[in-house]
PDB file of N, CA and C in Angstrom:
ATOM      1  N   MET A   1      -7.263  20.523  10.895  1.00  0.00           N
ATOM      2  CA  MET A   1      -7.264  19.276  11.647  1.00  0.00           C
ATOM      3  C   MET A   1      -6.125  19.264  12.661  1.00  0.00           C
ATOM      4  N   PHE A   2      -4.942  19.695  12.230  1.00  0.00           N
ATOM      5  CA  PHE A   2      -3.800  19.701  13.145  1.00  0.00           C
ATOM      6  C   PHE A   2      -4.026  20.716  14.264  1.00  0.00           C
ATOM      7  N   ILE A   3      -4.660  21.846  13.919  1.00  0.00           N
ATOM      8  CA  ILE A   3      -4.924  22.863  14.936  1.00  0.00           C
ATOM      9  C   ILE A   3      -5.870  22.296  15.990  1.00  0.00           C
ATOM     10  N   GLN A   4      -6.874  21.533  15.565  1.00  0.00           N
ATOM     11  CA  GLN A   4      -7.800  20.931  16.520  1.00  0.00           C
ATOM     12  C   GLN A   4      -7.062  20.003  17.472  1.00  0.00           C
ATOM     13  N   LEU A   5      -6.088  19.247  16.950  1.00  0.00           N
ATOM     14  CA  LEU A   5      -5.317  18.349  17.806  1.00  0.00           C
ATOM     15  C   LEU A   5      -4.614  19.131  18.901  1.00  0.00           C
ATOM     16  N   TYR A   6      -3.983  20.243  18.521  1.00  0.00           N
ATOM     17  CA  TYR A   6      -3.260  21.025  19.524  1.00  0.00           C
ATOM     18  C   TYR A   6      -4.225  21.600  20.560  1.00  0.00           C
ATOM     19  N   ILE A   7      -5.423  22.002  20.131  1.00  0.00           N
ATOM     20  CA  ILE A   7      -6.407  22.534  21.078  1.00  0.00           C
ATOM     21  C   ILE A   7      -6.790  21.448  22.081  1.00  0.00           C
ATOM     22  N   TYR A   8      -7.033  20.229  21.594  1.00  0.00           N
ATOM     23  CA  TYR A   8      -7.388  19.134  22.494  1.00  0.00           C
ATOM     24  C   TYR A   8      -6.253  18.852  23.467  1.00  0.00           C
ATOM     25  N   VAL A   9      -5.007  18.908  22.971  1.00  0.00           N
ATOM     26  CA  VAL A   9      -3.853  18.632  23.833  1.00  0.00           C
ATOM     27  C   VAL A   9      -3.772  19.672  24.942  1.00  0.00           C
ATOM     28  N   SER A  10      -4.045  20.918  24.616  1.00  0.00           N
ATOM     29  CA  SER A  10      -3.952  21.971  25.626  1.00  0.00           C
ATOM     30  C   SER A  10      -5.100  21.865  26.635  1.00  0.00           C
ATOM     31  N   MET A  11      -6.232  21.284  26.216  1.00  0.00           N
ATOM     32  CA  MET A  11      -7.381  21.182  27.112  1.00  0.00           C
ATOM     33  C   MET A  11      -7.249  19.993  28.063  1.00  0.00           C
ATOM     34  N   PHE A  12      -6.698  18.896  27.572  1.00  0.00           N
ATOM     35  CA  PHE A  12      -6.591  17.678  28.381  1.00  0.00           C
ATOM     36  C   PHE A  12      -5.122  17.305  28.534  1.00  0.00           C
ATOM     37  N   GLU A  13      -4.707  17.056  29.769  1.00  0.00           N
ATOM     38  CA  GLU A  13      -3.303  16.763  30.031  1.00  0.00           C
ATOM     39  C   GLU A  13      -3.031  15.265  30.111  1.00  0.00           C
ATOM     40  N   GLY A  14      -4.079  14.448  30.041  1.00  0.00           N
ATOM     41  CA  GLY A  14      -3.872  13.002  30.172  1.00  0.00           C
ATOM     42  C   GLY A  14      -3.224  12.413  28.927  1.00  0.00           C
ATOM     43  N   GLY A  15      -2.115  11.727  29.110  1.00  0.00           N
ATOM     44  CA  GLY A  15      -1.408  11.117  27.976  1.00  0.00           C
ATOM     45  C   GLY A  15      -2.253  10.043  27.307  1.00  0.00           C
ATOM     46  N   PHE A  16      -3.009   9.275  28.116  1.00  0.00           N
ATOM     47  CA  PHE A  16      -3.828   8.203  27.555  1.00  0.00           C
ATOM     48  C   PHE A  16      -4.888   8.777  26.628  1.00  0.00           C
ATOM     49  N   PHE A  17      -5.507   9.880  27.042  1.00  0.00           N
ATOM     50  CA  PHE A  17      -6.532  10.511  26.211  1.00  0.00           C
ATOM     51  C   PHE A  17      -5.938  10.973  24.890  1.00  0.00           C
ATOM     52  N   ILE A  18      -4.702  11.507  24.956  1.00  0.00           N
ATOM     53  CA  ILE A  18      -4.046  11.984  23.739  1.00  0.00           C
ATOM     54  C   ILE A  18      -3.798  10.819  22.794  1.00  0.00           C
ATOM     55  N   ILE A  19      -3.385   9.663  23.350  1.00  0.00           N
ATOM     56  CA  ILE A  19      -3.139   8.492  22.506  1.00  0.00           C
ATOM     57  C   ILE A  19      -4.443   8.049  21.845  1.00  0.00           C
ATOM     58  N   VAL A  20      -5.523   7.990  22.623  1.00  0.00           N
ATOM     59  CA  VAL A  20      -6.825   7.600  22.066  1.00  0.00           C
ATOM     60  C   VAL A  20      -7.239   8.582  20.977  1.00  0.00           C
ATOM     61  N   LEU A  21      -7.001   9.876  21.232  1.00  0.00           N
ATOM     62  CA  LEU A  21      -7.359  10.894  20.250  1.00  0.00           C
ATOM     63  C   LEU A  21      -6.575  10.685  18.963  1.00  0.00           C
ATOM     64  N   LEU A  22      -5.286  10.348  19.086  1.00  0.00           N
ATOM     65  CA  LEU A  22      -4.463  10.103  17.904  1.00  0.00           C
ATOM     66  C   LEU A  22      -4.984   8.902  17.131  1.00  0.00           C
ATOM     67  N   LYS A  23      -5.357   7.829  17.834  1.00  0.00           N
ATOM     68  CA  LYS A  23      -5.867   6.637  17.164  1.00  0.00           C
ATOM     69  C   LYS A  23      -7.150   6.973  16.410  1.00  0.00           C
ATOM     70  N   THR A  24      -8.035   7.737  17.039  1.00  0.00           N
ATOM     71  CA  THR A  24      -9.269   8.142  16.372  1.00  0.00           C
ATOM     72  C   THR A  24      -8.962   9.011  15.170  1.00  0.00           C
ATOM     73  N   PHE A  25      -7.983   9.904  15.316  1.00  0.00           N
ATOM     74  CA  PHE A  25      -7.585  10.791  14.231  1.00  0.00           C
ATOM     75  C   PHE A  25      -7.055   9.975  13.065  1.00  0.00           C
ATOM     76  N   GLU A  26      -6.272   8.931  13.357  1.00  0.00           N
ATOM     77  CA  GLU A  26      -5.719   8.091  12.301  1.00  0.00           C
ATOM     78  C   GLU A  26      -6.834   7.374  11.551  1.00  0.00           C
ATOM     79  N   LYS A  27      -7.806   6.835  12.285  1.00  0.00           N
ATOM     80  CA  LYS A  27      -8.886   6.084  11.645  1.00  0.00           C
ATOM     81  C   LYS A  27      -9.719   6.991  10.740  1.00  0.00           C
ATOM     82  N   ASN A  28      -9.951   8.218  11.186  1.00  0.00           N
ATOM     83  CA  ASN A  28     -10.832   9.119  10.447  1.00  0.00           C
ATOM     84  C   ASN A  28     -10.130   9.808   9.290  1.00  0.00           C
ATOM     85  N   HIS A  29      -8.798   9.809   9.292  1.00  0.00           N
ATOM     86  CA  HIS A  29      -8.086  10.579   8.268  1.00  0.00           C
ATOM     87  C   HIS A  29      -6.905   9.789   7.720  1.00  0.00           C
ATOM     88  N   LYS A  30      -7.165   8.547   7.309  1.00  0.00           N
ATOM     89  CA  LYS A  30      -6.087   7.725   6.759  1.00  0.00           C
ATOM     90  C   LYS A  30      -5.526   8.348   5.489  1.00  0.00           C
ATOM     91  N   GLU A  31      -6.396   8.968   4.686  1.00  0.00           N
ATOM     92  CA  GLU A  31      -5.927   9.564   3.436  1.00  0.00           C
ATOM     93  C   GLU A  31      -4.916  10.661   3.713  1.00  0.00           C
ATOM     94  N   GLN A  32      -5.180  11.493   4.720  1.00  0.00           N
ATOM     95  CA  GLN A  32      -4.255  12.576   5.034  1.00  0.00           C
ATOM     96  C   GLN A  32      -2.924  12.016   5.523  1.00  0.00           C
ATOM     97  N   ILE A  33      -2.962  10.906   6.266  1.00  0.00           N
ATOM     98  CA  ILE A  33      -1.714  10.312   6.756  1.00  0.00           C
ATOM     99  C   ILE A  33      -0.884   9.822   5.571  1.00  0.00           C
ATOM    100  N   ILE A  34      -1.546   9.234   4.566  1.00  0.00           N
ATOM    101  CA  ILE A  34      -0.819   8.744   3.391  1.00  0.00           C
ATOM    102  C   ILE A  34      -0.223   9.921   2.625  1.00  0.00           C
ATOM    103  N   ARG A  35      -0.957  11.027   2.561  1.00  0.00           N
ATOM    104  CA  ARG A  35      -0.483  12.179   1.783  1.00  0.00           C
ATOM    105  C   ARG A  35       0.579  12.966   2.537  1.00  0.00           C
ATOM    106  N   TYR A  36       0.415  13.102   3.840  1.00  0.00           N
ATOM    107  CA  TYR A  36       1.329  13.954   4.613  1.00  0.00           C
ATOM    108  C   TYR A  36       1.902  13.196   5.811  1.00  0.00           C
ATOM    109  N   PRO A  37       2.704  12.160   5.561  1.00  0.00           N
ATOM    110  CA  PRO A  37       3.241  11.385   6.694  1.00  0.00           C
ATOM    111  C   PRO A  37       4.173  12.209   7.567  1.00  0.00           C
ATOM    112  N   ARG A  38       4.909  13.146   6.971  1.00  0.00           N
ATOM    113  CA  ARG A  38       5.850  13.952   7.758  1.00  0.00           C
ATOM    114  C   ARG A  38       5.099  14.867   8.715  1.00  0.00           C
ATOM    115  N   GLN A  39       4.008  15.461   8.258  1.00  0.00           N
ATOM    116  CA  GLN A  39       3.235  16.343   9.141  1.00  0.00           C
ATOM    117  C   GLN A  39       2.676  15.553  10.325  1.00  0.00           C
ATOM    118  N   ILE A  40       2.184  14.355  10.056  1.00  0.00           N
ATOM    119  CA  ILE A  40       1.646  13.521  11.131  1.00  0.00           C
ATOM    120  C   ILE A  40       2.750  13.198  12.128  1.00  0.00           C
ATOM    121  N   PHE A  41       3.942  12.882  11.613  1.00  0.00           N
ATOM    122  CA  PHE A  41       5.064  12.534  12.495  1.00  0.00           C
ATOM    123  C   PHE A  41       5.434  13.718  13.372  1.00  0.00           C
ATOM    124  N   VAL A  42       5.507  14.895  12.777  1.00  0.00           N
ATOM    125  CA  VAL A  42       5.844  16.098  13.551  1.00  0.00           C
ATOM    126  C   VAL A  42       4.778  16.345  14.612  1.00  0.00           C
ATOM    127  N   THR A  43       3.510  16.139  14.238  1.00  0.00           N
ATOM    128  CA  THR A  43       2.428  16.346  15.197  1.00  0.00           C
ATOM    129  C   THR A  43       2.565  15.378  16.367  1.00  0.00           C
ATOM    130  N   ARG A  44       2.897  14.127  16.072  1.00  0.00           N
ATOM    131  CA  ARG A  44       3.060  13.135  17.134  1.00  0.00           C
ATOM    132  C   ARG A  44       4.204  13.529  18.059  1.00  0.00           C
ATOM    133  N   GLU A  45       5.318  13.950  17.480  1.00  0.00           N
ATOM    134  CA  GLU A  45       6.467  14.346  18.303  1.00  0.00           C
ATOM    135  C   GLU A  45       6.084  15.514  19.210  1.00  0.00           C
ATOM    136  N   SER A  46       5.368  16.485  18.665  1.00  0.00           N
ATOM    137  CA  SER A  46       4.973  17.650  19.459  1.00  0.00           C
ATOM    138  C   SER A  46       4.050  17.231  20.598  1.00  0.00           C
ATOM    139  N   ILE A  47       3.111  16.331  20.301  1.00  0.00           N
ATOM    140  CA  ILE A  47       2.175  15.875  21.332  1.00  0.00           C
ATOM    141  C   ILE A  47       2.930  15.106  22.411  1.00  0.00           C
ATOM    142  N   ASN A  48       3.894  14.279  22.008  1.00  0.00           N
ATOM    143  CA  ASN A  48       4.682  13.529  22.995  1.00  0.00           C
ATOM    144  C   ASN A  48       5.450  14.489  23.889  1.00  0.00           C
ATOM    145  N   ASN A  49       6.011  15.530  23.303  1.00  0.00           N
ATOM    146  CA  ASN A  49       6.757  16.510  24.091  1.00  0.00           C
ATOM    147  C   ASN A  49       5.828  17.237  25.061  1.00  0.00           C
ATOM    148  N   MET A  50       4.637  17.598  24.605  1.00  0.00           N
ATOM    149  CA  MET A  50       3.688  18.289  25.476  1.00  0.00           C
ATOM    150  C   MET A  50       3.272  17.386  26.633  1.00  0.00           C
ATOM    151  N   GLY A  51       3.070  16.097  26.333  1.00  0.00           N
ATOM    152  CA  GLY A  51       2.633  15.168  27.367  1.00  0.00           C
ATOM    153  C   GLY A  51       3.691  14.949  28.431  1.00  0.00           C
ATOM    154  N   SER A  52       4.960  15.072  28.050  1.00  0.00           N
ATOM    155  CA  SER A  52       6.038  14.832  29.010  1.00  0.00           C
ATOM    156  C   SER A  52       6.289  16.049  29.885  1.00  0.00           C
ATOM    157  N   LEU A  53       5.833  17.228  29.456  1.00  0.00           N
ATOM    158  CA  LEU A  53       6.082  18.443  30.238  1.00  0.00           C
ATOM    159  C   LEU A  53       5.162  18.484  31.468  1.00  0.00           C
TER     160      LEU A  53
END
């Protein structure tokens, strides 16, 4: 799942699209967020850094 996020980030450079993708990811995988909050946080930080570059 995290690998798919990075692939989408590399394909689309729009920050808004990335935010929408994250919201959809959160809705579809709430259980994973509860189990691995640190991984989700790291993923968000990485996506934010990619969007700013």
